[in-house]
Amino acid sequence: MNVSLVGLVVGMALGFAGWFGGFGAFLLVAALGAVGFVAGLLVDRGISLREFLDPEERKRR
């Protein structure tokens, strides 16, 4: 999926959340989107959650 297309979808989701749910829903969607983005990066790079949270684990590799 193209990066600009992903940005478009995220922007539309945030816009709909802000329009229909108010500012609180906008912030919730933005926060959950950020969590999903970080999880996707971890999966793409093949990093486990333990390695991500423990800096000593990364040094041992």
C-alpha atoms as a PDB file:
ATOM      1  CA  MET A   1       0.000   0.000   0.000  1.00  0.00           C
ATOM      2  CA  ASN A   2       1.320   3.414  -0.943  1.00  0.00           C
ATOM      3  CA  VAL A   3       2.348   5.733   1.917  1.00  0.00           C
ATOM      4  CA  SER A   4       0.240   8.596   0.605  1.00  0.00           C
ATOM      5  CA  LEU A   5      -2.798   6.309   0.436  1.00  0.00           C
ATOM      6  CA  VAL A   6      -2.262   5.246   4.037  1.00  0.00           C
ATOM      7  CA  GLY A   7      -2.018   8.911   5.029  1.00  0.00           C
ATOM      8  CA  LEU A   8      -5.252   9.627   3.204  1.00  0.00           C
ATOM      9  CA  VAL A   9      -7.080   6.797   4.987  1.00  0.00           C
ATOM     10  CA  VAL A  10      -5.747   7.855   8.391  1.00  0.00           C
ATOM     11  CA  GLY A  11      -6.709  11.468   7.741  1.00  0.00           C
ATOM     12  CA  MET A  12     -10.199  10.466   6.712  1.00  0.00           C
ATOM     13  CA  ALA A  13     -10.611   8.270   9.793  1.00  0.00           C
ATOM     14  CA  LEU A  14      -9.491  11.123  12.044  1.00  0.00           C
ATOM     15  CA  GLY A  15     -11.797  13.531  10.239  1.00  0.00           C
ATOM     16  CA  PHE A  16     -14.810  11.253  10.651  1.00  0.00           C
ATOM     17  CA  ALA A  17     -13.973  10.672  14.310  1.00  0.00           C
ATOM     18  CA  GLY A  18     -13.685  14.397  14.917  1.00  0.00           C
ATOM     19  CA  TRP A  19     -16.865  15.209  13.039  1.00  0.00           C
ATOM     20  CA  PHE A  20     -19.126  12.529  14.499  1.00  0.00           C
ATOM     21  CA  GLY A  21     -17.551  11.883  17.890  1.00  0.00           C
ATOM     22  CA  GLY A  22     -16.014  15.174  18.902  1.00  0.00           C
ATOM     23  CA  PHE A  23     -12.532  15.980  20.054  1.00  0.00           C
ATOM     24  CA  GLY A  24     -12.325  13.053  22.499  1.00  0.00           C
ATOM     25  CA  ALA A  25     -13.021  10.549  19.741  1.00  0.00           C
ATOM     26  CA  PHE A  26     -10.466  12.313  17.549  1.00  0.00           C
ATOM     27  CA  LEU A  27      -7.793  11.873  20.227  1.00  0.00           C
ATOM     28  CA  LEU A  28      -8.756   8.233  20.821  1.00  0.00           C
ATOM     29  CA  VAL A  29      -8.514   7.384  17.127  1.00  0.00           C
ATOM     30  CA  ALA A  30      -5.181   9.218  16.848  1.00  0.00           C
ATOM     31  CA  ALA A  31      -3.735   7.390  19.873  1.00  0.00           C
ATOM     32  CA  LEU A  32      -4.899   3.972  18.690  1.00  0.00           C
ATOM     33  CA  GLY A  33      -3.539   4.739  15.240  1.00  0.00           C
ATOM     34  CA  ALA A  34      -0.136   5.523  16.744  1.00  0.00           C
ATOM     35  CA  VAL A  35      -0.164   2.254  18.693  1.00  0.00           C
ATOM     36  CA  GLY A  36      -1.051   0.364  15.522  1.00  0.00           C
ATOM     37  CA  PHE A  37       1.705   2.130  13.613  1.00  0.00           C
ATOM     38  CA  VAL A  38       4.331   1.140  16.189  1.00  0.00           C
ATOM     39  CA  ALA A  39       3.053  -2.446  16.251  1.00  0.00           C
ATOM     40  CA  GLY A  40       3.249  -2.578  12.459  1.00  0.00           C
ATOM     41  CA  LEU A  41       6.822  -1.312  12.503  1.00  0.00           C
ATOM     42  CA  LEU A  42       7.783  -3.964  15.026  1.00  0.00           C
ATOM     43  CA  VAL A  43       6.248  -6.718  12.917  1.00  0.00           C
ATOM     44  CA  ASP A  44       7.869  -5.436   9.725  1.00  0.00           C
ATOM     45  CA  ARG A  45      11.303  -5.299  11.318  1.00  0.00           C
ATOM     46  CA  GLY A  46      10.945  -8.650  13.052  1.00  0.00           C
ATOM     47  CA  ILE A  47      11.432  -7.220  16.533  1.00  0.00           C
ATOM     48  CA  SER A  48       9.653  -8.838  19.450  1.00  0.00           C
ATOM     49  CA  LEU A  49       7.904  -6.775  22.086  1.00  0.00           C
ATOM     50  CA  ARG A  50      10.433  -7.930  24.693  1.00  0.00           C
ATOM     51  CA  GLU A  51      13.329  -6.625  22.562  1.00  0.00           C
ATOM     52  CA  PHE A  52      11.521  -3.336  22.006  1.00  0.00           C
ATOM     53  CA  LEU A  53      10.837  -2.726  25.697  1.00  0.00           C
ATOM     54  CA  ASP A  54      14.187  -4.028  27.044  1.00  0.00           C
ATOM     55  CA  PRO A  55      17.219  -2.119  25.679  1.00  0.00           C
ATOM     56  CA  GLU A  56      19.606  -4.709  27.150  1.00  0.00           C
ATOM     57  CA  GLU A  57      17.989  -7.373  24.969  1.00  0.00           C
ATOM     58  CA  ARG A  58      18.817  -5.352  21.853  1.00  0.00           C
ATOM     59  CA  LYS A  59      22.465  -4.983  22.902  1.00  0.00           C
ATOM     60  CA  ARG A  60      22.837  -8.770  23.265  1.00  0.00           C
ATOM     61  CA  ARG A  61      21.927  -9.308  19.621  1.00  0.00           C
END
